[in-house]
Amino acid sequence: MTIGSGVLAYLFIPLTWSWLPAWIGYAIVAGTAGTGCWVVAHECGHRAFTKHNWLQDMIGYCLHSILLVPYFSWQRSHSVHHARTNHLDSGETHVPHRDTTPSGAARLWWHETIGDEAFAIVLILINTVAGWPLYLLTGASGGPARGTTNHFWPAWPFSAALFPGGWSRKVWLSDIGVLVAIGLLGWWTYSSGFLPVLALYLGPYLVVNFWLVLYTWLQHTDVDIPHFDNEEWTWVKGAFMTVDRPYGFILDFLHHRIGSTHVAHHMDARIPHYNAVKATRALKENFPDLYRFDPTPVPKALWRVATRCHVVSKSEEGWTYSA
């Protein structure tokens, strides 16, 4: 579907600025469909796609490289995310700021200075447009335990703590795939000009990044989801701080239910997507007090998170959002 929409757009949409609305529509369609490829690569990284590791590594490596994602690097950081979910120090991705830290104080100052709505809009734009590249390049939103990390360069001036032992070699191997993809994009730009690359690739690429950040942000963040410090955290507590949301039939189909069966995914990341509904049903039946599902429409939930989930403060439940 992703390739097909690109072919149709190339054949039938004139590559002129007057057709910009049509190209934006194409980017939304192709990027939304392409997110399904991202999810398949994610499943390969979890060893959940096939019994043959060499095959799923090959598929995941190719798909992620096309999307400028270093496959093995992200496989490692994402495994840390699963191992330390909602841990305030050694968690990975969307780790909140404490109100007792300078970064937390700065976040509160900006929020109070520009107001709820403006701060929320800026936060949504930064996260969904630049959040994913910033995470890959600097470890933005990662926990403080490992310092400033880089998924392409596991050495000075960045911290190598995220990629111990043989993982650093896998980072370099991942770089090859991304460099090949960049080289192909460069050749395409040289031979056809920048405009076709912008319209046919970069537009959908930004939409894929949007969906990726939206899913991960809302899977572990909300006003009633606590995070834990080292004294409070356990793997089970962290894993159950995951929330499923209603994304609707079309997105569930295209994205293999990555947002509506994510609690089960954190219970066992090797459950393939085609068994995730069954696993989710079992969680609901056996752990009704622990399983989390928020029926709030996703746009409304995103706005609530962006306006209210800024820093965490110590509470009886752990560390919860206070502003």
C-alpha atoms as a PDB file:
ATOM      1  CA  MET A   1       0.000   0.000   0.000  1.00  0.00           C
ATOM      2  CA  THR A   2       2.852   2.389   0.805  1.00  0.00           C
ATOM      3  CA  ILE A   3       4.627   1.721  -2.489  1.00  0.00           C
ATOM      4  CA  GLY A   4       1.365   1.664  -4.423  1.00  0.00           C
ATOM      5  CA  SER A   5       0.311   5.063  -3.136  1.00  0.00           C
ATOM      6  CA  GLY A   6       3.723   6.443  -4.083  1.00  0.00           C
ATOM      7  CA  VAL A   7       3.434   5.112  -7.633  1.00  0.00           C
ATOM      8  CA  LEU A   8      -0.068   6.552  -8.012  1.00  0.00           C
ATOM      9  CA  ALA A   9       1.039   9.915  -6.633  1.00  0.00           C
ATOM     10  CA  TYR A  10       4.023  10.024  -8.987  1.00  0.00           C
ATOM     11  CA  LEU A  11       1.846   9.201 -11.992  1.00  0.00           C
ATOM     12  CA  PHE A  12      -1.191  11.365 -11.298  1.00  0.00           C
ATOM     13  CA  ILE A  13      -0.268  14.297  -9.019  1.00  0.00           C
ATOM     14  CA  PRO A  14       1.636  17.116 -10.746  1.00  0.00           C
ATOM     15  CA  LEU A  15       4.831  18.014  -8.930  1.00  0.00           C
ATOM     16  CA  THR A  16       3.953  21.688  -8.515  1.00  0.00           C
ATOM     17  CA  TRP A  17       3.286  23.860  -5.473  1.00  0.00           C
ATOM     18  CA  SER A  18      -0.317  24.429  -6.551  1.00  0.00           C
ATOM     19  CA  TRP A  19      -0.913  20.733  -5.881  1.00  0.00           C
ATOM     20  CA  LEU A  20       0.493  20.955  -2.343  1.00  0.00           C
ATOM     21  CA  PRO A  21      -2.810  19.914  -0.665  1.00  0.00           C
ATOM     22  CA  ALA A  22      -2.841  16.720  -2.740  1.00  0.00           C
ATOM     23  CA  TRP A  23       0.765  15.978  -1.815  1.00  0.00           C
ATOM     24  CA  ILE A  24      -0.024  16.529   1.861  1.00  0.00           C
ATOM     25  CA  GLY A  25      -2.888  14.062   1.507  1.00  0.00           C
ATOM     26  CA  TYR A  26      -0.534  11.592  -0.154  1.00  0.00           C
ATOM     27  CA  ALA A  27       2.005  12.003   2.666  1.00  0.00           C
ATOM     28  CA  ILE A  28      -0.670  11.268   5.262  1.00  0.00           C
ATOM     29  CA  VAL A  29      -1.877   8.159   3.424  1.00  0.00           C
ATOM     30  CA  ALA A  30       1.566   6.790   2.549  1.00  0.00           C
ATOM     31  CA  GLY A  31       3.073   7.632   5.944  1.00  0.00           C
ATOM     32  CA  THR A  32       0.159   6.105   7.824  1.00  0.00           C
ATOM     33  CA  ALA A  33       0.444   2.928   5.762  1.00  0.00           C
ATOM     34  CA  GLY A  34       4.232   2.965   6.067  1.00  0.00           C
ATOM     35  CA  THR A  35       3.972   2.974   9.851  1.00  0.00           C
ATOM     36  CA  GLY A  36       2.807  -0.622   9.524  1.00  0.00           C
ATOM     37  CA  CYS A  37       6.221  -1.446   8.018  1.00  0.00           C
ATOM     38  CA  TRP A  38       7.829   0.251  11.005  1.00  0.00           C
ATOM     39  CA  VAL A  39       5.763  -1.922  13.348  1.00  0.00           C
ATOM     40  CA  VAL A  40       6.809  -5.085  11.493  1.00  0.00           C
ATOM     41  CA  ALA A  41      10.469  -4.093  11.891  1.00  0.00           C
ATOM     42  CA  HIS A  42       9.794  -3.439  15.586  1.00  0.00           C
ATOM     43  CA  GLU A  43       8.349  -6.936  15.876  1.00  0.00           C
ATOM     44  CA  CYS A  44      11.430  -8.364  14.163  1.00  0.00           C
ATOM     45  CA  GLY A  45      13.596  -6.623  16.737  1.00  0.00           C
ATOM     46  CA  HIS A  46      11.652  -8.395  19.470  1.00  0.00           C
ATOM     47  CA  ARG A  47      12.151 -11.806  17.830  1.00  0.00           C
ATOM     48  CA  ALA A  48       8.370 -12.051  17.450  1.00  0.00           C
ATOM     49  CA  PHE A  49       8.010 -12.099  13.658  1.00  0.00           C
ATOM     50  CA  THR A  50       9.333 -15.547  12.743  1.00  0.00           C
ATOM     51  CA  LYS A  51      11.144 -18.515  14.260  1.00  0.00           C
ATOM     52  CA  HIS A  52      14.223 -17.743  12.145  1.00  0.00           C
ATOM     53  CA  ASN A  53      16.281 -14.974  13.710  1.00  0.00           C
ATOM     54  CA  TRP A  54      18.385 -14.423  10.590  1.00  0.00           C
ATOM     55  CA  LEU A  55      15.237 -13.827   8.550  1.00  0.00           C
ATOM     56  CA  GLN A  56      13.635 -11.388  10.953  1.00  0.00           C
ATOM     57  CA  ASP A  57      16.909  -9.517  11.385  1.00  0.00           C
ATOM     58  CA  MET A  58      17.193  -9.216   7.617  1.00  0.00           C
ATOM     59  CA  ILE A  59      13.603  -7.977   7.258  1.00  0.00           C
ATOM     60  CA  GLY A  60      13.821  -5.642  10.244  1.00  0.00           C
ATOM     61  CA  TYR A  61      17.219  -4.295   9.172  1.00  0.00           C
ATOM     62  CA  CYS A  62      15.992  -3.487   5.662  1.00  0.00           C
ATOM     63  CA  LEU A  63      12.690  -1.932   6.744  1.00  0.00           C
ATOM     64  CA  HIS A  64      14.213   0.178   9.486  1.00  0.00           C
ATOM     65  CA  SER A  65      17.142   1.271   7.317  1.00  0.00           C
ATOM     66  CA  ILE A  66      14.731   2.499   4.633  1.00  0.00           C
ATOM     67  CA  LEU A  67      13.090   4.598   7.361  1.00  0.00           C
ATOM     68  CA  LEU A  68      16.525   5.858   8.561  1.00  0.00           C
ATOM     69  CA  VAL A  69      16.334   3.871  11.791  1.00  0.00           C
ATOM     70  CA  PRO A  70      19.491   2.042  12.986  1.00  0.00           C
ATOM     71  CA  TYR A  71      17.998  -1.425  13.471  1.00  0.00           C
ATOM     72  CA  PHE A  72      20.281  -3.052  16.049  1.00  0.00           C
ATOM     73  CA  SER A  73      20.860   0.204  17.934  1.00  0.00           C
ATOM     74  CA  TRP A  74      17.161   0.695  18.420  1.00  0.00           C
ATOM     75  CA  GLN A  75      16.658  -3.003  19.153  1.00  0.00           C
ATOM     76  CA  ARG A  76      19.001  -2.553  22.107  1.00  0.00           C
ATOM     77  CA  SER A  77      17.540   0.722  23.429  1.00  0.00           C
ATOM     78  CA  HIS A  78      14.010  -0.588  23.023  1.00  0.00           C
ATOM     79  CA  SER A  79      14.867  -3.721  24.993  1.00  0.00           C
ATOM     80  CA  VAL A  80      16.037  -1.413  27.800  1.00  0.00           C
ATOM     81  CA  HIS A  81      12.700   0.401  27.574  1.00  0.00           C
ATOM     82  CA  HIS A  82      10.910  -2.911  28.107  1.00  0.00           C
ATOM     83  CA  ALA A  83      13.253  -3.960  30.901  1.00  0.00           C
ATOM     84  CA  ARG A  84      12.888  -0.670  32.830  1.00  0.00           C
ATOM     85  CA  THR A  85       9.435   0.631  31.900  1.00  0.00           C
ATOM     86  CA  ASN A  86       8.392   3.741  33.868  1.00  0.00           C
ATOM     87  CA  HIS A  87      11.639   3.815  35.846  1.00  0.00           C
ATOM     88  CA  LEU A  88      12.565   7.433  36.562  1.00  0.00           C
ATOM     89  CA  ASP A  89      16.330   6.927  36.359  1.00  0.00           C
ATOM     90  CA  SER A  90      17.077   4.023  34.037  1.00  0.00           C
ATOM     91  CA  GLY A  91      13.920   4.055  31.926  1.00  0.00           C
ATOM     92  CA  GLU A  92      14.204   4.678  28.197  1.00  0.00           C
ATOM     93  CA  THR A  93      11.940   7.042  26.192  1.00  0.00           C
ATOM     94  CA  HIS A  94       9.335   9.458  27.558  1.00  0.00           C
ATOM     95  CA  VAL A  95      10.905   9.511  31.019  1.00  0.00           C
ATOM     96  CA  PRO A  96       9.318  12.505  32.805  1.00  0.00           C
ATOM     97  CA  HIS A  97      11.105  15.356  34.545  1.00  0.00           C
ATOM     98  CA  ARG A  98      10.972  15.507  38.347  1.00  0.00           C
ATOM     99  CA  ASP A  99       9.797  18.771  39.857  1.00  0.00           C
ATOM    100  CA  THR A 100      12.965  18.742  41.990  1.00  0.00           C
ATOM    101  CA  THR A 101      15.373  18.917  39.027  1.00  0.00           C
ATOM    102  CA  PRO A 102      16.561  21.968  37.042  1.00  0.00           C
ATOM    103  CA  SER A 103      14.977  20.563  33.873  1.00  0.00           C
ATOM    104  CA  GLY A 104      11.676  20.119  35.687  1.00  0.00           C
ATOM    105  CA  ALA A 105      11.815  23.657  37.055  1.00  0.00           C
ATOM    106  CA  ALA A 106      12.566  25.018  33.581  1.00  0.00           C
ATOM    107  CA  ARG A 107       9.656  23.103  32.108  1.00  0.00           C
ATOM    108  CA  LEU A 108       7.305  24.528  34.746  1.00  0.00           C
ATOM    109  CA  TRP A 109       8.607  28.045  34.118  1.00  0.00           C
ATOM    110  CA  TRP A 110       7.926  27.808  30.392  1.00  0.00           C
ATOM    111  CA  HIS A 111       4.488  26.370  31.056  1.00  0.00           C
ATOM    112  CA  GLU A 112       3.593  29.169  33.449  1.00  0.00           C
ATOM    113  CA  THR A 113       5.059  31.814  31.138  1.00  0.00           C
ATOM    114  CA  ILE A 114       3.254  30.961  27.902  1.00  0.00           C
ATOM    115  CA  GLY A 115       0.174  29.205  29.322  1.00  0.00           C
ATOM    116  CA  ASP A 116      -1.522  25.817  28.968  1.00  0.00           C
ATOM    117  CA  GLU A 117      -2.660  25.947  25.360  1.00  0.00           C
ATOM    118  CA  ALA A 118       0.473  27.502  23.865  1.00  0.00           C
ATOM    119  CA  PHE A 119       2.739  25.168  25.834  1.00  0.00           C
ATOM    120  CA  ALA A 120       0.703  22.144  24.733  1.00  0.00           C
ATOM    121  CA  ILE A 121       0.859  23.147  21.068  1.00  0.00           C
ATOM    122  CA  VAL A 122       4.622  23.694  21.224  1.00  0.00           C
ATOM    123  CA  LEU A 123       5.076  20.385  23.058  1.00  0.00           C
ATOM    124  CA  ILE A 124       3.023  18.452  20.497  1.00  0.00           C
ATOM    125  CA  LEU A 125       4.880  20.033  17.573  1.00  0.00           C
ATOM    126  CA  ILE A 126       8.335  19.441  19.045  1.00  0.00           C
ATOM    127  CA  ASN A 127       7.560  15.862  20.051  1.00  0.00           C
ATOM    128  CA  THR A 128       5.850  14.743  16.855  1.00  0.00           C
ATOM    129  CA  VAL A 129       8.102  16.562  14.373  1.00  0.00           C
ATOM    130  CA  ALA A 130      11.535  16.499  16.014  1.00  0.00           C
ATOM    131  CA  GLY A 131      11.135  14.085  18.926  1.00  0.00           C
ATOM    132  CA  TRP A 132      12.175  10.922  17.123  1.00  0.00           C
ATOM    133  CA  PRO A 133      15.360  12.297  15.475  1.00  0.00           C
ATOM    134  CA  LEU A 134      16.300  13.994  18.751  1.00  0.00           C
ATOM    135  CA  TYR A 135      15.927  10.700  20.588  1.00  0.00           C
ATOM    136  CA  LEU A 136      18.122   8.845  18.091  1.00  0.00           C
ATOM    137  CA  LEU A 137      20.769  11.581  18.087  1.00  0.00           C
ATOM    138  CA  THR A 138      20.850  12.661  21.749  1.00  0.00           C
ATOM    139  CA  GLY A 139      18.745  10.232  23.774  1.00  0.00           C
ATOM    140  CA  ALA A 140      16.149  12.965  24.362  1.00  0.00           C
ATOM    141  CA  SER A 141      13.447  11.768  26.798  1.00  0.00           C
ATOM    142  CA  GLY A 142      15.650   8.890  27.960  1.00  0.00           C
ATOM    143  CA  GLY A 143      16.398   8.396  31.650  1.00  0.00           C
ATOM    144  CA  PRO A 144      19.317  10.274  33.247  1.00  0.00           C
ATOM    145  CA  ALA A 145      21.192   7.114  34.272  1.00  0.00           C
ATOM    146  CA  ARG A 146      22.984   6.707  30.929  1.00  0.00           C
ATOM    147  CA  GLY A 147      23.647  10.340  30.056  1.00  0.00           C
ATOM    148  CA  THR A 148      23.538  11.699  26.499  1.00  0.00           C
ATOM    149  CA  THR A 149      23.394   8.800  24.049  1.00  0.00           C
ATOM    150  CA  ASN A 150      23.544   8.508  20.267  1.00  0.00           C
ATOM    151  CA  HIS A 151      22.127   5.566  18.319  1.00  0.00           C
ATOM    152  CA  PHE A 152      24.661   6.083  15.515  1.00  0.00           C
ATOM    153  CA  TRP A 153      27.828   6.811  17.505  1.00  0.00           C
ATOM    154  CA  PRO A 154      28.363   4.762  20.705  1.00  0.00           C
ATOM    155  CA  ALA A 155      31.533   6.598  21.698  1.00  0.00           C
ATOM    156  CA  TRP A 156      32.869   9.962  22.875  1.00  0.00           C
ATOM    157  CA  PRO A 157      31.493  12.629  23.091  1.00  0.00           C
ATOM    158  CA  PHE A 158      28.373  10.549  23.745  1.00  0.00           C
ATOM    159  CA  SER A 159      27.815   8.031  26.515  1.00  0.00           C
ATOM    160  CA  ALA A 160      28.401   4.407  25.547  1.00  0.00           C
ATOM    161  CA  ALA A 161      26.390   3.113  28.518  1.00  0.00           C
ATOM    162  CA  LEU A 162      23.397   2.207  26.364  1.00  0.00           C
ATOM    163  CA  PHE A 163      25.477  -0.073  24.130  1.00  0.00           C
ATOM    164  CA  PRO A 164      27.747  -2.242  26.300  1.00  0.00           C
ATOM    165  CA  GLY A 165      30.028  -4.996  25.047  1.00  0.00           C
ATOM    166  CA  GLY A 166      29.299  -6.280  21.556  1.00  0.00           C
ATOM    167  CA  TRP A 167      26.403  -3.893  21.067  1.00  0.00           C
ATOM    168  CA  SER A 168      28.743  -1.142  19.916  1.00  0.00           C
ATOM    169  CA  ARG A 169      29.719  -3.262  16.899  1.00  0.00           C
ATOM    170  CA  LYS A 170      26.042  -3.727  16.112  1.00  0.00           C
ATOM    171  CA  VAL A 171      25.600   0.038  16.188  1.00  0.00           C
ATOM    172  CA  TRP A 172      28.242   0.400  13.462  1.00  0.00           C
ATOM    173  CA  LEU A 173      26.526  -2.354  11.483  1.00  0.00           C
ATOM    174  CA  SER A 174      23.233  -0.498  11.814  1.00  0.00           C
ATOM    175  CA  ASP A 175      24.906   2.657  10.521  1.00  0.00           C
ATOM    176  CA  ILE A 176      25.772   0.924   7.264  1.00  0.00           C
ATOM    177  CA  GLY A 177      22.113   0.327   6.455  1.00  0.00           C
ATOM    178  CA  VAL A 178      21.154   3.926   7.225  1.00  0.00           C
ATOM    179  CA  LEU A 179      24.111   5.270   5.216  1.00  0.00           C
ATOM    180  CA  VAL A 180      23.091   3.157   2.230  1.00  0.00           C
ATOM    181  CA  ALA A 181      19.564   4.564   2.486  1.00  0.00           C
ATOM    182  CA  ILE A 182      20.912   8.123   2.725  1.00  0.00           C
ATOM    183  CA  GLY A 183      23.177   7.430  -0.241  1.00  0.00           C
ATOM    184  CA  LEU A 184      20.222   6.268  -2.319  1.00  0.00           C
ATOM    185  CA  LEU A 185      18.274   9.375  -1.330  1.00  0.00           C
ATOM    186  CA  GLY A 186      21.280  11.490  -2.301  1.00  0.00           C
ATOM    187  CA  TRP A 187      21.523   9.786  -5.680  1.00  0.00           C
ATOM    188  CA  TRP A 188      17.795  10.287  -6.208  1.00  0.00           C
ATOM    189  CA  THR A 189      18.137  13.973  -5.335  1.00  0.00           C
ATOM    190  CA  TYR A 190      21.112  14.369  -7.682  1.00  0.00           C
ATOM    191  CA  SER A 191      19.360  12.672 -10.592  1.00  0.00           C
ATOM    192  CA  SER A 192      15.824  14.046 -10.165  1.00  0.00           C
ATOM    193  CA  GLY A 193      16.093  17.111  -7.954  1.00  0.00           C
ATOM    194  CA  PHE A 194      15.047  17.681  -4.356  1.00  0.00           C
ATOM    195  CA  LEU A 195      11.334  18.225  -4.965  1.00  0.00           C
ATOM    196  CA  PRO A 196      10.480  14.583  -5.854  1.00  0.00           C
ATOM    197  CA  VAL A 197      12.380  13.376  -2.772  1.00  0.00           C
ATOM    198  CA  LEU A 198      10.556  15.887  -0.591  1.00  0.00           C
ATOM    199  CA  ALA A 199       7.144  14.983  -1.972  1.00  0.00           C
ATOM    200  CA  LEU A 200       7.470  11.218  -2.327  1.00  0.00           C
ATOM    201  CA  TYR A 201       9.740  10.323   0.625  1.00  0.00           C
ATOM    202  CA  LEU A 202      10.245  13.063   3.214  1.00  0.00           C
ATOM    203  CA  GLY A 203       6.549  13.873   3.585  1.00  0.00           C
ATOM    204  CA  PRO A 204       5.542  10.272   4.391  1.00  0.00           C
ATOM    205  CA  TYR A 205       8.701   9.911   6.513  1.00  0.00           C
ATOM    206  CA  LEU A 206       7.541  12.753   8.775  1.00  0.00           C
ATOM    207  CA  VAL A 207       4.100  11.148   9.079  1.00  0.00           C
ATOM    208  CA  VAL A 208       5.673   7.825  10.112  1.00  0.00           C
ATOM    209  CA  ASN A 209       7.637   9.674  12.794  1.00  0.00           C
ATOM    210  CA  PHE A 210       4.444  11.407  13.929  1.00  0.00           C
ATOM    211  CA  TRP A 211       2.647   8.102  14.492  1.00  0.00           C
ATOM    212  CA  LEU A 212       5.647   6.554  16.206  1.00  0.00           C
ATOM    213  CA  VAL A 213       5.924   9.365  18.746  1.00  0.00           C
ATOM    214  CA  LEU A 214       2.166   9.589  19.250  1.00  0.00           C
ATOM    215  CA  TYR A 215       1.907   5.885  20.065  1.00  0.00           C
ATOM    216  CA  THR A 216       4.873   5.745  22.429  1.00  0.00           C
ATOM    217  CA  TRP A 217       3.946   9.002  24.160  1.00  0.00           C
ATOM    218  CA  LEU A 218       0.392   7.897  24.920  1.00  0.00           C
ATOM    219  CA  GLN A 219       1.308   4.323  25.833  1.00  0.00           C
ATOM    220  CA  HIS A 220       3.054   5.275  29.073  1.00  0.00           C
ATOM    221  CA  THR A 221       1.951   8.828  29.857  1.00  0.00           C
ATOM    222  CA  ASP A 222      -1.245  10.188  31.395  1.00  0.00           C
ATOM    223  CA  VAL A 223      -2.480  11.999  34.485  1.00  0.00           C
ATOM    224  CA  ASP A 224      -3.136   8.744  36.354  1.00  0.00           C
ATOM    225  CA  ILE A 225      -0.003   6.811  35.340  1.00  0.00           C
ATOM    226  CA  PRO A 226       2.799   6.977  37.933  1.00  0.00           C
ATOM    227  CA  HIS A 227       6.517   6.503  37.428  1.00  0.00           C
ATOM    228  CA  PHE A 228       8.802   5.019  40.065  1.00  0.00           C
ATOM    229  CA  ASP A 229      12.226   5.649  41.531  1.00  0.00           C
ATOM    230  CA  ASN A 230      14.713   2.898  42.263  1.00  0.00           C
ATOM    231  CA  GLU A 231      13.260   2.095  45.694  1.00  0.00           C
ATOM    232  CA  GLU A 232       9.697   1.694  44.413  1.00  0.00           C
ATOM    233  CA  TRP A 233      10.103   0.225  40.946  1.00  0.00           C
ATOM    234  CA  THR A 234       9.574  -3.418  40.031  1.00  0.00           C
ATOM    235  CA  TRP A 235       9.333  -4.896  36.557  1.00  0.00           C
ATOM    236  CA  VAL A 236       5.687  -5.906  37.051  1.00  0.00           C
ATOM    237  CA  LYS A 237       4.668  -2.471  38.349  1.00  0.00           C
ATOM    238  CA  GLY A 238       6.402  -0.789  35.433  1.00  0.00           C
ATOM    239  CA  ALA A 239       4.963  -3.095  32.793  1.00  0.00           C
ATOM    240  CA  PHE A 240       1.412  -2.560  34.032  1.00  0.00           C
ATOM    241  CA  MET A 241       1.886   1.216  33.734  1.00  0.00           C
ATOM    242  CA  THR A 242       1.045   0.775  30.059  1.00  0.00           C
ATOM    243  CA  VAL A 243      -2.296   1.876  28.652  1.00  0.00           C
ATOM    244  CA  ASP A 244      -4.264   0.636  25.645  1.00  0.00           C
ATOM    245  CA  ARG A 245      -6.296   3.160  23.674  1.00  0.00           C
ATOM    246  CA  PRO A 246      -9.025   3.049  20.981  1.00  0.00           C
ATOM    247  CA  TYR A 247      -7.408   3.764  17.622  1.00  0.00           C
ATOM    248  CA  GLY A 248     -10.217   2.434  15.470  1.00  0.00           C
ATOM    249  CA  PHE A 249     -10.401  -0.318  12.882  1.00  0.00           C
ATOM    250  CA  ILE A 250      -8.342   1.328  10.130  1.00  0.00           C
ATOM    251  CA  LEU A 251      -5.334   2.236  12.284  1.00  0.00           C
ATOM    252  CA  ASP A 252      -5.514  -1.069  14.152  1.00  0.00           C
ATOM    253  CA  PHE A 253      -5.426  -2.887  10.818  1.00  0.00           C
ATOM    254  CA  LEU A 254      -2.625  -0.811   9.289  1.00  0.00           C
ATOM    255  CA  HIS A 255      -0.503  -0.685  12.445  1.00  0.00           C
ATOM    256  CA  HIS A 256      -1.091  -4.239  13.668  1.00  0.00           C
ATOM    257  CA  ARG A 257      -2.869  -3.034  16.843  1.00  0.00           C
ATOM    258  CA  ILE A 258       0.321  -1.568  18.287  1.00  0.00           C
ATOM    259  CA  GLY A 259      -1.683   0.980  20.296  1.00  0.00           C
ATOM    260  CA  SER A 260      -4.684  -1.081  21.372  1.00  0.00           C
ATOM    261  CA  THR A 261      -2.853  -4.230  22.571  1.00  0.00           C
ATOM    262  CA  HIS A 262       0.278  -2.673  24.027  1.00  0.00           C
ATOM    263  CA  VAL A 263      -0.236  -3.846  27.595  1.00  0.00           C
ATOM    264  CA  ALA A 264       0.028  -7.451  26.417  1.00  0.00           C
ATOM    265  CA  HIS A 265       3.121  -6.493  24.424  1.00  0.00           C
ATOM    266  CA  HIS A 266       4.792  -5.345  27.643  1.00  0.00           C
ATOM    267  CA  MET A 267       3.853  -8.546  29.422  1.00  0.00           C
ATOM    268  CA  ASP A 268       5.617 -10.566  26.723  1.00  0.00           C
ATOM    269  CA  ALA A 269       7.208  -8.768  23.782  1.00  0.00           C
ATOM    270  CA  ARG A 270       7.522 -12.017  21.817  1.00  0.00           C
ATOM    271  CA  ILE A 271       3.769 -12.338  21.370  1.00  0.00           C
ATOM    272  CA  PRO A 272       3.191 -11.797  17.620  1.00  0.00           C
ATOM    273  CA  HIS A 273       0.684  -9.129  16.667  1.00  0.00           C
ATOM    274  CA  TYR A 274      -1.817 -11.692  15.372  1.00  0.00           C
ATOM    275  CA  ASN A 275      -2.070 -13.184  18.881  1.00  0.00           C
ATOM    276  CA  ALA A 276      -2.118  -9.857  20.732  1.00  0.00           C
ATOM    277  CA  VAL A 277      -5.910  -9.593  20.862  1.00  0.00           C
ATOM    278  CA  LYS A 278      -6.160 -13.014  22.478  1.00  0.00           C
ATOM    279  CA  ALA A 279      -3.440 -12.088  24.988  1.00  0.00           C
ATOM    280  CA  THR A 280      -5.186  -8.798  25.771  1.00  0.00           C
ATOM    281  CA  ARG A 281      -8.445 -10.612  26.409  1.00  0.00           C
ATOM    282  CA  ALA A 282      -6.652 -12.931  28.840  1.00  0.00           C
ATOM    283  CA  LEU A 283      -5.168  -9.953  30.698  1.00  0.00           C
ATOM    284  CA  LYS A 284      -8.588  -8.346  31.046  1.00  0.00           C
ATOM    285  CA  GLU A 285     -10.065 -11.554  32.445  1.00  0.00           C
ATOM    286  CA  ASN A 286      -7.231 -12.451  34.816  1.00  0.00           C
ATOM    287  CA  PHE A 287      -5.976  -9.023  35.930  1.00  0.00           C
ATOM    288  CA  PRO A 288      -9.019  -6.726  35.730  1.00  0.00           C
ATOM    289  CA  ASP A 289      -7.676  -4.401  38.431  1.00  0.00           C
ATOM    290  CA  LEU A 290      -4.278  -4.000  36.762  1.00  0.00           C
ATOM    291  CA  TYR A 291      -5.066  -3.905  33.050  1.00  0.00           C
ATOM    292  CA  ARG A 292      -5.386  -0.328  31.778  1.00  0.00           C
ATOM    293  CA  PHE A 293      -7.639   0.805  28.946  1.00  0.00           C
ATOM    294  CA  ASP A 294      -8.562   4.439  28.425  1.00  0.00           C
ATOM    295  CA  PRO A 295     -11.632   4.900  26.177  1.00  0.00           C
ATOM    296  CA  THR A 296     -10.926   8.616  25.714  1.00  0.00           C
ATOM    297  CA  PRO A 297     -10.683   9.472  21.992  1.00  0.00           C
ATOM    298  CA  VAL A 298      -7.019   9.707  21.060  1.00  0.00           C
ATOM    299  CA  PRO A 299      -7.010  13.414  20.036  1.00  0.00           C
ATOM    300  CA  LYS A 300      -8.626  14.346  23.359  1.00  0.00           C
ATOM    301  CA  ALA A 301      -6.191  12.130  25.282  1.00  0.00           C
ATOM    302  CA  LEU A 302      -3.245  13.719  23.464  1.00  0.00           C
ATOM    303  CA  TRP A 303      -4.445  17.199  24.394  1.00  0.00           C
ATOM    304  CA  ARG A 304      -4.914  16.154  28.036  1.00  0.00           C
ATOM    305  CA  VAL A 305      -1.402  14.729  28.178  1.00  0.00           C
ATOM    306  CA  ALA A 306       0.114  17.772  26.480  1.00  0.00           C
ATOM    307  CA  THR A 307      -1.659  20.234  28.783  1.00  0.00           C
ATOM    308  CA  ARG A 308      -1.334  18.387  32.090  1.00  0.00           C
ATOM    309  CA  CYS A 309       1.604  15.944  31.994  1.00  0.00           C
ATOM    310  CA  HIS A 310       4.674  18.155  32.365  1.00  0.00           C
ATOM    311  CA  VAL A 311       6.596  17.172  35.506  1.00  0.00           C
ATOM    312  CA  VAL A 312       6.160  14.515  38.187  1.00  0.00           C
ATOM    313  CA  SER A 313       6.016  15.017  41.952  1.00  0.00           C
ATOM    314  CA  LYS A 314       6.337  12.516  44.800  1.00  0.00           C
ATOM    315  CA  SER A 315       3.012  11.018  45.859  1.00  0.00           C
ATOM    316  CA  GLU A 316       1.654   7.927  47.589  1.00  0.00           C
ATOM    317  CA  GLU A 317       1.401   6.097  44.239  1.00  0.00           C
ATOM    318  CA  GLY A 318       4.973   6.901  43.191  1.00  0.00           C
ATOM    319  CA  TRP A 319       5.847   9.955  41.099  1.00  0.00           C
ATOM    320  CA  THR A 320       2.750  11.390  39.429  1.00  0.00           C
ATOM    321  CA  TYR A 321       2.113  14.311  37.111  1.00  0.00           C
ATOM    322  CA  SER A 322       1.339  17.511  38.956  1.00  0.00           C
ATOM    323  CA  ALA A 323       1.193  20.039  36.104  1.00  0.00           C
END
